[in-house]
């Protein structure tokens, strides 16, 4: 409700390519959802017929694809932010919103890459132990338990990466449509 003599002046920044940016972001988010659903389906199809290493290999391959999509999101936010800065300068609230979205997307990407590194390190440790013969000296049951433990740790790390990425993506998308 406006009072007498009150003038509110609001400025909204509209990018020339804003629809293209939003479309690119929406496409990348849709691709991320598809990749997550494919991972669930592939893991379920493997069931008990695959080794823990085969299951983890599927997860790693899928996570690598998700990282590529997240990199597209970061590039899109970077381009949009650069355009806003060039057009309107650095002192706009809208720029801050785009910077926050970019930072959230970069955080999700870093978390994905860290999760992938954790998975890779877990596999390297198991492979090193097998090559060095340290697993051979153990009973089959003990070796299997150790491998299962590593597999669970890797699965947990991947799950945490996906959860963090999903939370960040949801937040970024909701912010995108609110602004």
Foldseek 3Di string as FASTA:
>chain_A
DDDPPDDDDDDDDDFPCLVVLLVLLVVLVVVLVVLVVVLVVVLVVCPPVDDLVVNVVSLLVSLVVNLVSLVSNLVSLVVVLVRCCVVPNDPDPVSVLSVVLNVLSVVLSVLSVVLSVLLVVLVVVLVVCVVVCVLVVDDPVVSVVVVVVSSVVSVVSSVVSVVSNVVSSVVSVVSSVVD
